[in-house]
Amino acid sequence: MPAGYQELFLEQGSNFNTSVALDEADGSPFQLVDCEVKAVMKKSYYSSSTTAEFVIEINDPTEGILILSLPYANTANIPAGRYVYDLELINGESIVTRILEGIVTVTPEVTR
């Protein structure tokens, strides 16, 4: 199954939080039991360095809901512009699956 696509909008110098609900093809919640989830953003697909690694919180692994976040101290250091990100799931058998990807738009901070 191909990864889902979602654009993210991040305000430089502000806390970033977004909720992501993952569903199976039949519409049931994606099971995140015994899984590790990672998400990073980079300037381009070909960048060797990571711009930011999202903090991921799984409140209820049986409901398929994740919270991606970055504290303001991190977002303040990200230059305004467009970035790419993906979110990958590593299950208990070490199988890696990309489940979400997209563009992150960082808008500049005026008040400093």
Protein backbone atom coordinates (compact mmCIF):
# COMPACT_ATOMS: atom_id res chain seq x y z
CA MET A 1 0.00 0.00 0.00
CA PRO A 2 1.47 3.43 -0.89
CA ALA A 3 2.19 5.95 1.84
CA GLY A 4 -0.42 8.60 2.58
CA TYR A 5 0.31 12.24 1.77
CA GLN A 6 -0.23 15.20 4.10
CA GLU A 7 1.14 18.72 3.93
CA LEU A 8 2.33 20.24 7.21
CA PHE A 9 2.60 23.93 8.06
CA LEU A 10 5.09 24.90 10.75
CA GLU A 11 5.49 28.40 12.18
CA GLN A 12 9.11 29.27 12.92
CA GLY A 13 9.66 29.92 16.64
CA SER A 14 6.35 28.33 17.73
CA ASN A 15 5.48 24.98 19.24
CA PHE A 16 4.32 22.58 16.53
CA ASN A 17 1.76 19.85 17.24
CA THR A 18 -0.41 17.90 14.85
CA SER A 19 -2.51 14.80 15.26
CA VAL A 20 -2.33 12.07 12.63
CA ALA A 21 -4.99 9.34 12.48
CA LEU A 22 -3.84 6.20 10.66
CA ASP A 23 -6.41 3.82 9.19
CA GLU A 24 -6.21 0.42 7.53
CA ALA A 25 -7.58 0.02 3.98
CA ASP A 26 -10.92 -1.16 5.43
CA GLY A 27 -11.23 2.00 7.56
CA SER A 28 -10.39 0.37 10.89
CA PRO A 29 -7.75 2.02 13.11
CA PHE A 30 -4.14 1.15 12.28
CA GLN A 31 -2.68 -0.94 15.10
CA LEU A 32 0.50 0.59 16.54
CA VAL A 33 1.05 -2.11 19.17
CA ASP A 34 4.72 -3.19 19.43
CA CYS A 35 5.76 -0.60 16.86
CA GLU A 36 8.35 2.14 16.73
CA VAL A 37 7.53 5.25 14.72
CA LYS A 38 10.05 7.75 13.35
CA ALA A 39 9.57 10.96 11.41
CA VAL A 40 12.17 13.40 10.12
CA MET A 41 12.25 16.42 7.84
CA LYS A 42 15.00 17.42 5.43
CA LYS A 43 15.56 20.25 2.99
CA SER A 44 15.30 17.82 0.07
CA TYR A 45 15.03 14.11 -0.57
CA TYR A 46 18.75 14.10 -1.33
CA SER A 47 19.97 16.00 1.77
CA SER A 48 22.47 14.05 3.81
CA SER A 49 21.57 15.88 7.03
CA THR A 50 18.29 15.93 8.92
CA THR A 51 16.73 19.35 9.56
CA ALA A 52 14.56 18.09 12.45
CA GLU A 53 13.37 14.85 13.99
CA PHE A 54 9.77 15.01 15.13
CA VAL A 55 8.82 13.96 18.65
CA ILE A 56 6.15 11.28 18.31
CA GLU A 57 3.63 10.39 20.97
CA ILE A 58 1.30 7.40 20.69
CA ASN A 59 -1.55 7.90 23.15
CA ASP A 60 -3.47 4.70 22.40
CA PRO A 61 -1.72 2.18 20.14
CA THR A 62 -5.02 0.45 19.28
CA GLU A 63 -6.61 3.63 17.89
CA GLY A 64 -3.90 4.50 15.35
CA ILE A 65 -3.51 8.11 16.51
CA LEU A 66 -0.10 9.80 16.66
CA ILE A 67 0.92 13.27 17.77
CA LEU A 68 3.86 14.78 15.90
CA SER A 69 5.48 17.72 17.63
CA LEU A 70 8.50 20.00 17.73
CA PRO A 71 9.20 22.46 20.57
CA TYR A 72 9.63 26.16 19.78
CA ALA A 73 13.36 25.93 20.56
CA ASN A 74 13.72 23.58 17.58
CA THR A 75 11.42 25.42 15.19
CA ALA A 76 13.19 28.73 15.88
CA ASN A 77 16.34 27.30 14.28
CA ILE A 78 14.68 26.06 11.09
CA PRO A 79 15.03 28.54 8.21
CA ALA A 80 11.77 29.48 6.50
CA GLY A 81 11.10 27.49 3.33
CA ARG A 82 9.85 24.18 2.00
CA TYR A 83 11.03 20.82 3.27
CA VAL A 84 10.13 17.17 2.83
CA TYR A 85 9.27 14.67 5.55
CA ASP A 86 8.21 11.10 5.99
CA LEU A 87 6.91 8.97 8.82
CA GLU A 88 8.02 5.37 9.03
CA LEU A 89 6.78 2.48 11.12
CA ILE A 90 9.10 -0.27 12.33
CA ASN A 91 7.18 -3.30 13.54
CA GLY A 92 8.29 -5.96 16.02
CA GLU A 93 9.84 -7.97 13.16
CA SER A 94 12.02 -4.98 12.08
CA ILE A 95 10.00 -4.42 8.90
CA VAL A 96 10.10 -0.74 7.93
CA THR A 97 7.06 0.76 6.19
CA ARG A 98 6.64 4.37 5.10
CA ILE A 99 3.12 5.28 6.11
CA LEU A 100 3.03 9.05 5.55
CA GLU A 101 4.99 11.60 3.54
CA GLY A 102 4.69 15.15 2.32
CA ILE A 103 5.90 18.73 2.25
CA VAL A 104 6.53 20.88 5.33
CA THR A 105 6.20 24.63 4.80
CA VAL A 106 7.99 26.70 7.44
CA THR A 107 6.77 30.29 7.65
CA PRO A 108 9.16 32.92 9.06
CA GLU A 109 8.87 34.37 12.54
CA VAL A 110 8.52 38.15 12.82
CA THR A 111 8.61 38.60 16.59
CA ARG A 112 11.91 37.58 18.15
